[in-house]
Amino acid sequence: MTSSTSGPIGGPSDAAKAAATAAKQAAESKSKSLGDKDTFMKLLVAQLKYQDPTKPADSTAFLAQTAQFTQVEKLEDMISMLQSQRMIGASALIGKTVTYMDDTGATQTGVISSAKLNGDSEPTLKVGNTDVQLSKVTEISQTAQPGSSD
């Protein structure tokens, strides 16, 4: 990064740009949450390091950046919790009988043997040898236990 003498780095528009950059990286990144927080802090430190000493960033802009960092951190925590809830919900379906629409539009029925989460997408259920997205499931029922009569 090079220093510019044309104006200060660290104005309110730079704070917004830094936050937008960090938010974009958080959305695009498939790395651990810690990497996104570190990226945001590195941007903030670089901004302070390369600002024009004769025109430092005002305290309002600095406080705005601090608030944005907190928002990024809390958003990552919420995403992590949502993914955990999705996985818990999907794993509770293991052993259940489901009816779902396959790729051809036909109705299929089977027992869920496993569940997995692929990145930020919805849970995928393993029914027989087929991977079925949870959104394709139209009915869920209790699988009959061997030796029981209903």
Protein backbone atom coordinates (compact mmCIF):
# COMPACT_ATOMS: atom_id res chain seq x y z
CA MET A 1 0.00 0.00 0.00
CA THR A 2 1.45 3.41 -0.88
CA SER A 3 0.95 6.69 0.87
CA SER A 4 -0.73 9.52 -0.99
CA THR A 5 -0.11 13.19 -0.48
CA SER A 6 -3.30 14.25 -2.23
CA GLY A 7 -5.47 13.84 0.87
CA PRO A 8 -5.91 12.04 4.15
CA ILE A 9 -6.74 8.41 4.38
CA GLY A 10 -9.37 7.84 6.99
CA GLY A 11 -12.26 10.12 6.16
CA PRO A 12 -15.84 8.93 6.62
CA SER A 13 -15.97 7.62 3.04
CA ASP A 14 -12.84 5.55 3.69
CA ALA A 15 -14.47 4.09 6.81
CA ALA A 16 -17.45 3.03 4.76
CA LYS A 17 -15.17 1.56 2.09
CA ALA A 18 -13.20 -0.40 4.68
CA ALA A 19 -16.40 -1.76 6.22
CA ALA A 20 -17.81 -2.65 2.81
CA THR A 21 -14.59 -4.42 1.89
CA ALA A 22 -14.59 -6.40 5.14
CA ALA A 23 -18.28 -7.29 4.77
CA LYS A 24 -17.70 -8.43 1.19
CA GLN A 25 -14.76 -10.57 2.25
CA ALA A 26 -16.84 -12.04 5.09
CA ALA A 27 -19.60 -12.97 2.66
CA GLU A 28 -17.25 -14.43 0.03
CA SER A 29 -14.83 -16.14 2.38
CA LYS A 30 -15.26 -19.78 3.30
CA SER A 31 -12.50 -19.56 5.89
CA LYS A 32 -12.98 -19.49 9.63
CA SER A 33 -14.61 -16.47 11.24
CA LEU A 34 -11.33 -15.45 12.83
CA GLY A 35 -9.86 -14.70 9.40
CA ASP A 36 -12.61 -12.19 8.64
CA LYS A 37 -12.16 -10.38 11.94
CA ASP A 38 -8.41 -10.28 11.39
CA THR A 39 -8.88 -8.87 7.90
CA PHE A 40 -11.06 -6.07 9.20
CA MET A 41 -8.57 -5.22 11.95
CA LYS A 42 -5.67 -5.24 9.46
CA LEU A 43 -7.57 -2.78 7.28
CA LEU A 44 -8.19 -0.52 10.25
CA VAL A 45 -4.56 -0.64 11.38
CA ALA A 46 -3.30 0.02 7.84
CA GLN A 47 -5.65 2.96 7.54
CA LEU A 48 -4.31 4.47 10.77
CA LYS A 49 -0.71 3.72 9.78
CA TYR A 50 -0.91 5.43 6.39
CA GLN A 51 -3.09 8.40 7.25
CA ASP A 52 -1.76 11.89 6.68
CA PRO A 53 -0.35 13.03 10.06
CA THR A 54 -1.30 16.62 9.32
CA LYS A 55 -4.94 15.62 8.77
CA PRO A 56 -5.71 12.66 11.03
CA ALA A 57 -9.03 10.84 10.88
CA ASP A 58 -11.61 12.45 13.09
CA SER A 59 -12.83 10.61 16.16
CA THR A 60 -16.32 10.22 14.70
CA ALA A 61 -14.99 8.23 11.75
CA PHE A 62 -12.85 6.10 14.06
CA LEU A 63 -15.83 5.34 16.32
CA ALA A 64 -17.90 4.45 13.24
CA GLN A 65 -15.23 1.95 12.18
CA THR A 66 -15.16 0.43 15.64
CA ALA A 67 -18.95 0.04 15.54
CA GLN A 68 -18.72 -1.55 12.08
CA PHE A 69 -16.12 -4.01 13.33
CA THR A 70 -18.47 -4.99 16.15
CA GLN A 71 -21.30 -5.47 13.65
CA VAL A 72 -19.15 -7.73 11.46
CA GLU A 73 -18.16 -9.76 14.51
CA LYS A 74 -21.77 -10.18 15.70
CA LEU A 75 -22.98 -11.04 12.20
CA GLU A 76 -20.41 -13.82 11.97
CA ASP A 77 -21.61 -15.15 15.33
CA MET A 78 -25.22 -15.14 14.10
CA ILE A 79 -24.26 -16.98 10.89
CA SER A 80 -22.44 -19.61 12.92
CA MET A 81 -25.48 -20.09 15.18
CA LEU A 82 -27.81 -20.38 12.18
CA GLN A 83 -25.61 -23.05 10.60
CA SER A 84 -25.58 -24.96 13.89
CA GLN A 85 -29.38 -24.81 14.11
CA ARG A 86 -29.72 -26.02 10.52
CA MET A 87 -27.46 -28.98 11.21
CA ILE A 88 -29.28 -29.88 14.44
CA GLY A 89 -32.61 -29.76 12.61
CA ALA A 90 -31.33 -31.88 9.74
CA SER A 91 -29.72 -34.45 12.05
CA ALA A 92 -33.04 -34.86 13.92
CA LEU A 93 -34.50 -36.21 10.66
CA ILE A 94 -32.10 -39.18 10.47
CA GLY A 95 -34.10 -42.41 10.55
CA LYS A 96 -37.33 -40.69 9.44
CA THR A 97 -39.21 -41.62 6.29
CA VAL A 98 -39.53 -38.76 3.81
CA THR A 99 -41.40 -38.13 0.61
CA TYR A 100 -39.66 -35.79 -1.81
CA MET A 101 -39.73 -34.57 -5.39
CA ASP A 102 -36.81 -35.83 -7.47
CA ASP A 103 -35.18 -33.96 -10.37
CA THR A 104 -37.77 -35.27 -12.83
CA GLY A 105 -40.68 -34.09 -10.68
CA ALA A 106 -41.64 -37.61 -9.60
CA THR A 107 -42.51 -38.33 -5.97
CA GLN A 108 -40.04 -40.62 -4.17
CA THR A 109 -40.06 -42.06 -0.66
CA GLY A 110 -37.18 -43.29 1.47
CA VAL A 111 -35.48 -43.28 4.86
CA ILE A 112 -32.89 -40.63 5.71
CA SER A 113 -29.55 -42.19 6.58
CA SER A 114 -27.47 -39.02 7.03
CA ALA A 115 -27.50 -35.24 6.81
CA LYS A 116 -24.82 -32.74 5.84
CA LEU A 117 -24.33 -29.02 5.40
CA ASN A 118 -22.40 -27.77 2.38
CA GLY A 119 -21.06 -24.32 3.18
CA ASP A 120 -23.85 -21.77 3.54
CA SER A 121 -26.38 -23.81 1.60
CA GLU A 122 -29.36 -25.65 2.98
CA PRO A 123 -28.96 -29.13 4.50
CA THR A 124 -28.69 -32.11 2.18
CA LEU A 125 -30.24 -35.40 3.27
CA LYS A 126 -29.02 -38.83 2.14
CA VAL A 127 -32.03 -40.97 1.16
CA GLY A 128 -30.84 -44.33 -0.13
CA ASN A 129 -28.12 -43.44 -2.65
CA THR A 130 -29.67 -40.04 -3.42
CA ASP A 131 -28.77 -36.62 -2.02
CA VAL A 132 -31.97 -34.64 -1.42
CA GLN A 133 -32.13 -30.97 -0.51
CA LEU A 134 -34.35 -30.33 2.49
CA SER A 135 -36.48 -27.92 0.43
CA LYS A 136 -37.48 -30.83 -1.87
CA VAL A 137 -39.02 -32.79 1.02
CA THR A 138 -42.82 -32.70 0.98
CA GLU A 139 -43.61 -35.05 3.88
CA ILE A 140 -41.81 -36.44 6.93
CA SER A 141 -43.09 -39.40 8.93
CA GLN A 142 -41.90 -41.71 11.66
CA THR A 143 -40.31 -44.88 10.29
CA ALA A 144 -42.13 -48.01 11.45
CA GLN A 145 -40.09 -49.95 13.99
CA PRO A 146 -39.47 -53.64 13.21
CA GLY A 147 -41.84 -55.90 15.16
CA SER A 148 -44.28 -53.10 16.01
CA SER A 149 -47.86 -53.11 14.83
CA ASP A 150 -49.69 -49.86 14.17
